[in-house]
Structures are given as C-alpha cells and as structure tokens.
C-alpha cells in the first residue's frame, strides 16, 4: 500500500509564468528562502527535458548540520501544462531517503492558473503528511515570487 497527496492552489498569473517561475534557476534562492527557519538553498541544478535531472540541496544557512537533498528525473515536460518526475529525497532529520513520484499540473482558469501537485508512492502516512505540511509554505513562496515577477514585468513596461 502507498499513500498519496493532492494539493491545489489558484495563482493570479498565466500558466507560462507560474511554470517558468517554478523551474527558473535565477529565482530558486528566493523560492526556498523562509521555508525552514535558518535554512536556505545551497545548490540547484536542472536539465528540463524528459530523462533530465533536477537536483536541489537545501540546508542550514550557516552550514552547521546536514542538508536535505532532492534528486528527480523528469518523466514528462509539457510546458506550460505539466511536469512529472520520479524523486528521491534524503531527509536529514529522519536520516533516510523517501521515494515518490510528483506531477504538477498548470491549468488556465479565466486568466489565472490552477496548480495541482500530486505526489504518489509514499510508504507511510507519516511521510505523506510531513510532505503535505510543507507544501503550503512552498505554495506561499511560489505565489510571492510569481507576484514579484509580475510587478517587475509591469514596472518595466
């Protein structure tokens, strides 16, 4: 038996902007700032194609302690509609690796974007619930970065 997670949020931006913000290397530090007190993005690499990899290392800003590492392999890249990948995440607090598959859908709704995150394959309810508890914070960060990109775009025009 596996445990699955499904969370959605409506963003006041077009799908292209939300999709691109999620994978844009230059904004990753901002996306990950404030998710965990005293932690920051340490490394980000992305090869956005089927078979390509996405690597994120996130840990204590001062380097005092182990980091979490997410390594993913893309199974679907359909800009701006869908991303899917198989992931392994080493969670330093748990001192073990969690495996899951994640699909993110970006659906246009009246000029806005409904983002749906579906994570499948968790081996325990505790793992799924821990990921579920972190997703709203990440959505908040994505919303903040998307809004700042819109403001920058509008300000430049």
N, C-alpha and C. Protein backbone atom coordinates (compact mmCIF):
# COMPACT_ATOMS: atom_id res chain seq x y z
N UNK A 1 0.84 -1.19 0.00
CA UNK A 1 0.00 0.00 0.00
C UNK A 1 0.88 1.25 0.00
N UNK A 2 0.47 2.25 -0.78
CA UNK A 2 1.18 3.54 -0.76
C UNK A 2 0.19 4.63 -0.36
N UNK A 3 0.75 5.75 0.03
CA UNK A 3 -0.03 6.90 0.46
C UNK A 3 0.21 8.04 -0.52
N UNK A 4 -0.84 8.73 -0.89
CA UNK A 4 -0.76 9.77 -1.91
C UNK A 4 -1.20 11.11 -1.34
N UNK A 5 -0.76 12.16 -2.02
CA UNK A 5 -1.02 13.54 -1.61
C UNK A 5 -1.50 14.33 -2.81
N UNK A 6 -2.47 15.18 -2.59
CA UNK A 6 -3.02 16.02 -3.66
C UNK A 6 -3.35 17.39 -3.05
N UNK A 7 -2.69 18.44 -3.57
CA UNK A 7 -2.91 19.79 -3.06
C UNK A 7 -2.97 20.73 -4.26
N UNK A 8 -3.90 21.70 -4.20
CA UNK A 8 -4.01 22.65 -5.29
C UNK A 8 -4.14 24.08 -4.76
N UNK A 9 -3.76 25.02 -5.64
CA UNK A 9 -3.90 26.43 -5.32
C UNK A 9 -4.07 27.21 -6.61
N UNK A 10 -4.87 28.27 -6.55
CA UNK A 10 -5.10 29.14 -7.70
C UNK A 10 -4.14 30.33 -7.62
N UNK A 11 -3.40 30.56 -8.70
CA UNK A 11 -2.44 31.66 -8.79
C UNK A 11 -2.99 32.71 -9.76
N UNK A 12 -2.83 33.97 -9.41
CA UNK A 12 -3.30 35.07 -10.25
C UNK A 12 -2.21 35.42 -11.26
N UNK A 13 -1.96 34.48 -12.18
CA UNK A 13 -0.93 34.64 -13.21
C UNK A 13 -1.17 33.59 -14.27
N UNK A 14 -0.68 33.82 -15.48
CA UNK A 14 -0.85 32.83 -16.54
C UNK A 14 0.03 31.59 -16.31
N UNK A 15 -0.38 30.43 -16.85
CA UNK A 15 0.37 29.19 -16.64
C UNK A 15 1.84 29.28 -17.04
N UNK A 16 2.15 29.99 -18.13
CA UNK A 16 3.55 30.10 -18.56
C UNK A 16 4.41 30.72 -17.47
N UNK A 17 3.90 31.76 -16.84
CA UNK A 17 4.68 32.45 -15.81
C UNK A 17 4.86 31.58 -14.57
N UNK A 18 3.82 30.89 -14.15
CA UNK A 18 3.91 30.05 -12.96
C UNK A 18 4.85 28.88 -13.24
N UNK A 19 4.70 28.22 -14.37
CA UNK A 19 5.56 27.10 -14.76
C UNK A 19 7.02 27.56 -14.79
N UNK A 20 7.29 28.65 -15.54
CA UNK A 20 8.66 29.13 -15.69
C UNK A 20 9.27 29.55 -14.35
N UNK A 21 8.48 30.14 -13.48
CA UNK A 21 8.99 30.54 -12.16
C UNK A 21 9.42 29.32 -11.36
N UNK A 22 8.66 28.25 -11.44
CA UNK A 22 8.98 27.04 -10.69
C UNK A 22 10.34 26.47 -11.07
N UNK A 23 10.71 26.57 -12.35
CA UNK A 23 11.94 25.92 -12.82
C UNK A 23 13.07 26.89 -13.14
N UNK A 24 12.86 28.18 -13.00
CA UNK A 24 13.85 29.20 -13.34
C UNK A 24 14.99 29.22 -12.31
N UNK A 25 16.21 28.89 -12.73
CA UNK A 25 17.33 28.86 -11.78
C UNK A 25 17.55 30.16 -11.02
N UNK A 26 17.35 31.32 -11.67
CA UNK A 26 17.68 32.60 -11.02
C UNK A 26 16.77 32.95 -9.85
N UNK A 27 15.62 32.30 -9.69
CA UNK A 27 14.72 32.64 -8.59
C UNK A 27 14.65 31.56 -7.51
N UNK A 28 15.43 30.51 -7.65
CA UNK A 28 15.34 29.39 -6.72
C UNK A 28 15.72 29.78 -5.28
N UNK A 29 16.71 30.64 -5.14
CA UNK A 29 17.08 31.08 -3.79
C UNK A 29 15.92 31.76 -3.10
N UNK A 30 15.19 32.58 -3.85
CA UNK A 30 14.03 33.27 -3.28
C UNK A 30 12.89 32.28 -2.98
N UNK A 31 12.69 31.30 -3.85
CA UNK A 31 11.65 30.30 -3.61
C UNK A 31 11.89 29.52 -2.33
N UNK A 32 13.15 29.25 -2.04
CA UNK A 32 13.47 28.42 -0.88
C UNK A 32 13.75 29.22 0.38
N UNK A 33 13.82 30.54 0.28
CA UNK A 33 14.10 31.33 1.49
C UNK A 33 12.86 31.35 2.37
N UNK A 34 13.07 31.14 3.66
CA UNK A 34 11.98 31.21 4.62
C UNK A 34 11.14 29.95 4.75
N UNK A 35 11.43 28.91 3.97
CA UNK A 35 10.64 27.67 4.10
C UNK A 35 10.91 26.99 5.44
N UNK A 36 12.17 26.99 5.84
CA UNK A 36 12.56 26.45 7.15
C UNK A 36 13.48 27.49 7.79
N UNK A 37 13.16 27.90 9.02
CA UNK A 37 13.98 28.90 9.71
C UNK A 37 15.45 28.48 9.73
N UNK A 38 16.31 29.40 9.29
CA UNK A 38 17.75 29.15 9.35
C UNK A 38 18.27 28.29 8.21
N UNK A 39 17.41 27.95 7.25
CA UNK A 39 17.83 27.13 6.12
C UNK A 39 17.73 27.93 4.83
N UNK A 40 18.53 27.54 3.83
CA UNK A 40 18.49 28.19 2.54
C UNK A 40 18.88 27.19 1.45
N UNK A 41 18.67 27.61 0.22
CA UNK A 41 19.07 26.81 -0.92
C UNK A 41 20.58 26.80 -1.00
N UNK A 42 21.17 25.61 -1.11
CA UNK A 42 22.62 25.51 -1.22
C UNK A 42 23.08 25.17 -2.64
N UNK A 43 22.21 24.45 -3.35
CA UNK A 43 22.57 24.05 -4.71
C UNK A 43 21.30 23.77 -5.50
N UNK A 44 21.31 24.16 -6.77
CA UNK A 44 20.17 23.92 -7.65
C UNK A 44 20.70 23.64 -9.05
N UNK A 45 20.29 22.52 -9.61
CA UNK A 45 20.66 22.17 -10.98
C UNK A 45 19.42 21.61 -11.66
N UNK A 46 19.20 22.00 -12.91
CA UNK A 46 18.04 21.48 -13.63
C UNK A 46 18.39 21.28 -15.11
N UNK A 47 17.99 20.14 -15.63
CA UNK A 47 18.09 19.80 -17.04
C UNK A 47 16.66 19.46 -17.46
N UNK A 48 15.92 20.48 -17.88
CA UNK A 48 14.48 20.41 -18.08
C UNK A 48 14.13 19.70 -19.40
N UNK A 49 14.20 18.39 -19.38
CA UNK A 49 13.82 17.55 -20.51
C UNK A 49 13.51 16.16 -19.98
N UNK A 50 12.72 15.38 -20.72
CA UNK A 50 12.45 14.01 -20.30
C UNK A 50 13.78 13.27 -20.19
N UNK A 51 14.01 12.64 -19.05
CA UNK A 51 15.28 11.97 -18.78
C UNK A 51 16.29 12.87 -18.09
N UNK A 52 16.03 14.18 -18.10
CA UNK A 52 16.91 15.13 -17.44
C UNK A 52 16.71 15.09 -15.93
N UNK A 53 17.63 15.67 -15.20
CA UNK A 53 17.57 15.63 -13.74
C UNK A 53 17.37 17.02 -13.16
N UNK A 54 16.84 17.00 -11.93
CA UNK A 54 16.59 18.21 -11.15
C UNK A 54 17.14 17.91 -9.77
N UNK A 55 18.12 18.69 -9.34
CA UNK A 55 18.75 18.45 -8.04
C UNK A 55 18.67 19.71 -7.20
N UNK A 56 18.17 19.53 -5.97
CA UNK A 56 18.03 20.64 -5.04
C UNK A 56 18.67 20.21 -3.72
N UNK A 57 19.57 21.03 -3.21
CA UNK A 57 20.16 20.80 -1.89
C UNK A 57 19.77 22.00 -1.04
N UNK A 58 19.15 21.71 0.10
CA UNK A 58 18.57 22.72 0.98
C UNK A 58 18.99 22.39 2.39
N UNK A 59 19.59 23.36 3.09
CA UNK A 59 20.05 23.05 4.45
C UNK A 59 20.37 24.28 5.25
N UNK A 60 21.00 24.07 6.42
CA UNK A 60 21.33 25.18 7.30
C UNK A 60 22.17 26.24 6.60
N UNK A 61 21.74 27.48 6.71
CA UNK A 61 22.43 28.59 6.06
C UNK A 61 23.88 28.70 6.52
N UNK A 62 24.11 28.43 7.80
CA UNK A 62 25.47 28.53 8.34
C UNK A 62 26.31 27.28 8.07
N UNK A 63 25.73 26.27 7.41
CA UNK A 63 26.48 25.05 7.09
C UNK A 63 26.66 24.11 8.26
N UNK A 64 26.10 24.47 9.43
CA UNK A 64 26.27 23.65 10.63
C UNK A 64 25.19 22.57 10.70
N UNK A 65 25.44 21.49 10.03
CA UNK A 65 24.49 20.39 10.05
C UNK A 65 24.22 19.85 8.66
N UNK A 66 23.60 18.69 8.61
CA UNK A 66 23.34 18.05 7.32
C UNK A 66 22.22 18.74 6.55
N UNK A 67 22.23 18.54 5.25
CA UNK A 67 21.24 19.14 4.35
C UNK A 67 20.28 18.07 3.85
N UNK A 68 19.16 18.53 3.31
CA UNK A 68 18.23 17.66 2.60
C UNK A 68 18.57 17.76 1.12
N UNK A 69 18.49 16.63 0.43
CA UNK A 69 18.79 16.61 -1.00
C UNK A 69 17.65 15.93 -1.74
N UNK A 70 17.13 16.63 -2.76
CA UNK A 70 16.10 16.06 -3.62
C UNK A 70 16.71 15.84 -5.00
N UNK A 71 16.63 14.61 -5.48
CA UNK A 71 17.09 14.30 -6.82
C UNK A 71 15.92 13.72 -7.59
N UNK A 72 15.62 14.33 -8.75
CA UNK A 72 14.47 13.92 -9.55
C UNK A 72 14.90 13.68 -10.99
N UNK A 73 14.17 12.78 -11.65
CA UNK A 73 14.36 12.51 -13.08
C UNK A 73 13.03 12.78 -13.76
N UNK A 74 13.04 13.69 -14.74
CA UNK A 74 11.81 14.06 -15.43
C UNK A 74 11.28 12.92 -16.29
N UNK A 75 10.00 12.65 -16.15
CA UNK A 75 9.31 11.66 -16.98
C UNK A 75 8.35 12.35 -17.96
N UNK A 76 8.01 13.60 -17.68
CA UNK A 76 7.17 14.39 -18.59
C UNK A 76 7.48 15.88 -18.40
N UNK A 77 7.68 16.57 -19.51
CA UNK A 77 7.88 18.02 -19.50
C UNK A 77 7.00 18.55 -20.63
N UNK A 78 5.90 19.20 -20.25
CA UNK A 78 4.94 19.73 -21.21
C UNK A 78 4.64 21.17 -20.81
N UNK A 79 5.58 22.08 -21.14
CA UNK A 79 5.42 23.48 -20.78
C UNK A 79 4.25 24.08 -21.54
N UNK A 80 3.36 24.81 -20.93
CA UNK A 80 3.24 25.16 -19.51
C UNK A 80 2.18 24.34 -18.79
N UNK A 81 1.91 23.13 -19.25
CA UNK A 81 0.79 22.37 -18.70
C UNK A 81 1.15 21.37 -17.61
N UNK A 82 2.33 20.75 -17.72
CA UNK A 82 2.56 19.63 -16.81
C UNK A 82 4.04 19.30 -16.67
N UNK A 83 4.41 18.95 -15.45
CA UNK A 83 5.72 18.40 -15.13
C UNK A 83 5.50 17.12 -14.33
N UNK A 84 6.28 16.11 -14.63
CA UNK A 84 6.19 14.89 -13.83
C UNK A 84 7.60 14.33 -13.69
N UNK A 85 7.89 13.78 -12.50
CA UNK A 85 9.22 13.26 -12.25
C UNK A 85 9.19 12.25 -11.10
N UNK A 86 10.18 11.37 -11.13
CA UNK A 86 10.40 10.43 -10.04
C UNK A 86 11.48 11.02 -9.15
N UNK A 87 11.22 11.04 -7.83
CA UNK A 87 12.13 11.71 -6.90
C UNK A 87 12.59 10.81 -5.77
N UNK A 88 13.79 11.11 -5.32
CA UNK A 88 14.28 10.59 -4.05
C UNK A 88 14.70 11.79 -3.24
N UNK A 89 14.34 11.80 -1.98
CA UNK A 89 14.71 12.91 -1.10
C UNK A 89 15.33 12.36 0.16
N UNK A 90 16.59 12.76 0.37
CA UNK A 90 17.22 12.43 1.64
C UNK A 90 16.79 13.49 2.64
N UNK A 91 16.08 13.06 3.69
CA UNK A 91 15.60 13.96 4.73
C UNK A 91 16.56 13.81 5.91
N UNK A 92 17.38 14.82 6.13
CA UNK A 92 18.44 14.72 7.14
C UNK A 92 17.89 14.49 8.54
N UNK A 93 16.76 15.13 8.85
CA UNK A 93 16.16 14.97 10.17
C UNK A 93 15.76 13.51 10.43
N UNK A 94 15.34 12.82 9.39
CA UNK A 94 14.91 11.42 9.51
C UNK A 94 16.06 10.44 9.28
N UNK A 95 17.17 10.94 8.72
CA UNK A 95 18.34 10.15 8.37
C UNK A 95 17.98 8.98 7.45
N UNK A 96 17.11 9.29 6.47
CA UNK A 96 16.74 8.27 5.48
C UNK A 96 16.20 8.95 4.22
N UNK A 97 16.05 8.15 3.20
CA UNK A 97 15.58 8.62 1.90
C UNK A 97 14.11 8.25 1.70
N UNK A 98 13.36 9.18 1.13
CA UNK A 98 11.95 8.96 0.79
C UNK A 98 11.85 8.99 -0.73
N UNK A 99 11.12 8.02 -1.29
CA UNK A 99 10.91 7.97 -2.73
C UNK A 99 9.45 8.28 -3.04
N UNK A 100 9.23 9.04 -4.12
CA UNK A 100 7.86 9.37 -4.53
C UNK A 100 7.88 9.85 -5.97
N UNK A 101 6.71 9.89 -6.57
CA UNK A 101 6.53 10.46 -7.90
C UNK A 101 5.68 11.71 -7.74
N UNK A 102 6.08 12.77 -8.43
CA UNK A 102 5.34 14.02 -8.34
C UNK A 102 4.92 14.48 -9.73
N UNK A 103 3.66 14.91 -9.83
CA UNK A 103 3.14 15.50 -11.05
C UNK A 103 2.56 16.86 -10.68
N UNK A 104 2.95 17.87 -11.43
CA UNK A 104 2.43 19.22 -11.22
C UNK A 104 1.71 19.63 -12.49
N UNK A 105 0.42 19.94 -12.34
CA UNK A 105 -0.39 20.39 -13.47
C UNK A 105 -0.68 21.88 -13.33
N UNK A 106 -0.65 22.58 -14.46
CA UNK A 106 -0.89 24.03 -14.52
C UNK A 106 -2.06 24.23 -15.48
N UNK A 107 -3.24 24.53 -14.94
CA UNK A 107 -4.45 24.65 -15.74
C UNK A 107 -4.95 26.09 -15.74
N UNK A 108 -5.08 26.65 -16.93
CA UNK A 108 -5.57 28.02 -17.06
C UNK A 108 -7.05 28.08 -16.71
N UNK A 109 -7.40 29.05 -15.88
CA UNK A 109 -8.80 29.28 -15.49
C UNK A 109 -9.05 30.78 -15.45
N UNK A 110 -9.67 31.28 -16.50
CA UNK A 110 -10.03 32.71 -16.58
C UNK A 110 -8.84 33.63 -16.32
N UNK A 111 -7.72 33.35 -16.97
CA UNK A 111 -6.53 34.19 -16.84
C UNK A 111 -5.68 33.88 -15.62
N UNK A 112 -6.11 32.96 -14.82
CA UNK A 112 -5.35 32.53 -13.65
C UNK A 112 -4.87 31.10 -13.89
N UNK A 113 -4.12 30.56 -12.93
CA UNK A 113 -3.59 29.20 -13.08
C UNK A 113 -3.91 28.38 -11.84
N UNK A 114 -4.58 27.26 -12.07
CA UNK A 114 -4.79 26.29 -11.00
C UNK A 114 -3.59 25.35 -11.03
N UNK A 115 -2.83 25.35 -9.94
CA UNK A 115 -1.68 24.45 -9.83
C UNK A 115 -2.10 23.29 -8.93
N UNK A 116 -1.94 22.09 -9.46
CA UNK A 116 -2.26 20.88 -8.73
C UNK A 116 -0.99 20.06 -8.58
N UNK A 117 -0.62 19.78 -7.33
CA UNK A 117 0.52 18.92 -7.05
C UNK A 117 -0.02 17.58 -6.56
N UNK A 118 0.40 16.53 -7.24
CA UNK A 118 0.05 15.17 -6.84
C UNK A 118 1.34 14.40 -6.59
N UNK A 119 1.48 13.90 -5.38
CA UNK A 119 2.64 13.09 -5.01
C UNK A 119 2.14 11.70 -4.65
N UNK A 120 2.73 10.70 -5.27
CA UNK A 120 2.29 9.33 -5.05
C UNK A 120 3.47 8.44 -4.66
N UNK A 121 3.13 7.34 -4.00
CA UNK A 121 4.14 6.34 -3.69
C UNK A 121 4.77 6.43 -2.33
N UNK A 122 4.26 7.28 -1.45
CA UNK A 122 4.82 7.33 -0.10
C UNK A 122 4.57 6.00 0.60
N UNK A 123 5.55 5.53 1.34
CA UNK A 123 5.44 4.24 2.02
C UNK A 123 4.69 4.32 3.34
N UNK A 124 4.54 5.54 3.88
CA UNK A 124 3.84 5.65 5.16
C UNK A 124 2.99 6.92 5.19
N UNK A 125 1.99 6.87 6.03
CA UNK A 125 1.12 8.02 6.22
C UNK A 125 1.90 9.19 6.82
N UNK A 126 2.85 8.89 7.69
CA UNK A 126 3.66 9.92 8.34
C UNK A 126 4.49 10.67 7.30
N UNK A 127 5.10 9.95 6.35
CA UNK A 127 5.88 10.60 5.30
C UNK A 127 4.98 11.51 4.46
N UNK A 128 3.85 10.98 4.03
CA UNK A 128 2.92 11.77 3.22
C UNK A 128 2.49 13.03 3.95
N UNK A 129 2.12 12.88 5.22
CA UNK A 129 1.63 14.02 5.98
C UNK A 129 2.73 15.06 6.21
N UNK A 130 3.97 14.63 6.36
CA UNK A 130 5.08 15.58 6.51
C UNK A 130 5.26 16.40 5.25
N UNK A 131 5.16 15.75 4.10
CA UNK A 131 5.26 16.47 2.83
C UNK A 131 4.06 17.40 2.67
N UNK A 132 2.88 16.94 3.05
CA UNK A 132 1.67 17.74 2.94
C UNK A 132 1.80 19.01 3.78
N UNK A 133 2.40 18.91 4.95
CA UNK A 133 2.55 20.07 5.83
C UNK A 133 3.51 21.10 5.25
N UNK A 134 4.48 20.67 4.44
CA UNK A 134 5.43 21.61 3.85
C UNK A 134 4.96 22.26 2.56
N UNK A 135 4.02 21.63 1.87
CA UNK A 135 3.58 22.13 0.57
C UNK A 135 2.94 23.52 0.64
N UNK A 136 2.08 23.83 1.61
CA UNK A 136 1.52 25.19 1.65
C UNK A 136 2.60 26.28 1.76
N UNK A 137 3.66 26.03 2.50
CA UNK A 137 4.75 27.02 2.60
C UNK A 137 5.42 27.22 1.25
N UNK A 138 5.60 26.13 0.51
CA UNK A 138 6.21 26.25 -0.80
C UNK A 138 5.26 26.98 -1.76
N UNK A 139 3.96 26.68 -1.69
CA UNK A 139 2.98 27.42 -2.50
C UNK A 139 3.03 28.91 -2.16
N UNK A 140 3.15 29.25 -0.88
CA UNK A 140 3.24 30.66 -0.47
C UNK A 140 4.46 31.31 -1.11
N UNK A 141 5.60 30.60 -1.08
CA UNK A 141 6.83 31.14 -1.67
C UNK A 141 6.68 31.31 -3.18
N UNK A 142 6.09 30.32 -3.84
CA UNK A 142 5.87 30.42 -5.28
C UNK A 142 4.96 31.59 -5.61
N UNK A 143 3.91 31.76 -4.82
CA UNK A 143 2.97 32.88 -5.02
C UNK A 143 3.70 34.22 -4.88
N UNK A 144 4.56 34.32 -3.87
CA UNK A 144 5.31 35.56 -3.62
C UNK A 144 6.25 35.87 -4.79
N UNK A 145 6.96 34.85 -5.29
CA UNK A 145 7.91 35.07 -6.38
C UNK A 145 7.18 35.38 -7.68
N UNK A 146 6.09 34.68 -7.95
CA UNK A 146 5.29 34.98 -9.15
C UNK A 146 4.80 36.43 -9.09
N UNK A 147 4.28 36.85 -7.95
CA UNK A 147 3.78 38.22 -7.79
C UNK A 147 4.91 39.24 -8.01
N UNK A 148 6.10 38.96 -7.50
CA UNK A 148 7.21 39.91 -7.68
C UNK A 148 7.65 39.94 -9.14
N UNK A 149 7.56 38.81 -9.83
CA UNK A 149 7.90 38.80 -11.26
C UNK A 149 6.86 39.60 -12.06
N UNK A 150 5.60 39.50 -11.69
CA UNK A 150 4.56 40.28 -12.35
C UNK A 150 4.81 41.77 -12.11
N UNK A 151 5.09 42.13 -10.89
CA UNK A 151 5.33 43.54 -10.54
C UNK A 151 6.55 44.07 -11.32
N UNK A 152 7.59 43.24 -11.45
CA UNK A 152 8.76 43.63 -12.21
C UNK A 152 8.46 43.82 -13.68
N UNK A 153 7.66 42.92 -14.22
CA UNK A 153 7.27 43.00 -15.62
C UNK A 153 6.41 44.23 -15.86
N UNK A 154 5.46 44.47 -14.98
CA UNK A 154 4.58 45.63 -15.15
C UNK A 154 5.36 46.93 -14.97
N UNK A 155 6.30 46.92 -14.04
CA UNK A 155 7.09 48.11 -13.78
C UNK A 155 8.03 48.44 -14.94
N UNK A 156 8.45 47.40 -15.68
CA UNK A 156 9.39 47.62 -16.79
C UNK A 156 8.66 48.13 -18.04
N UNK A 157 7.32 47.95 -18.09
CA UNK A 157 6.59 48.32 -19.31
C UNK A 157 6.19 49.72 -19.26
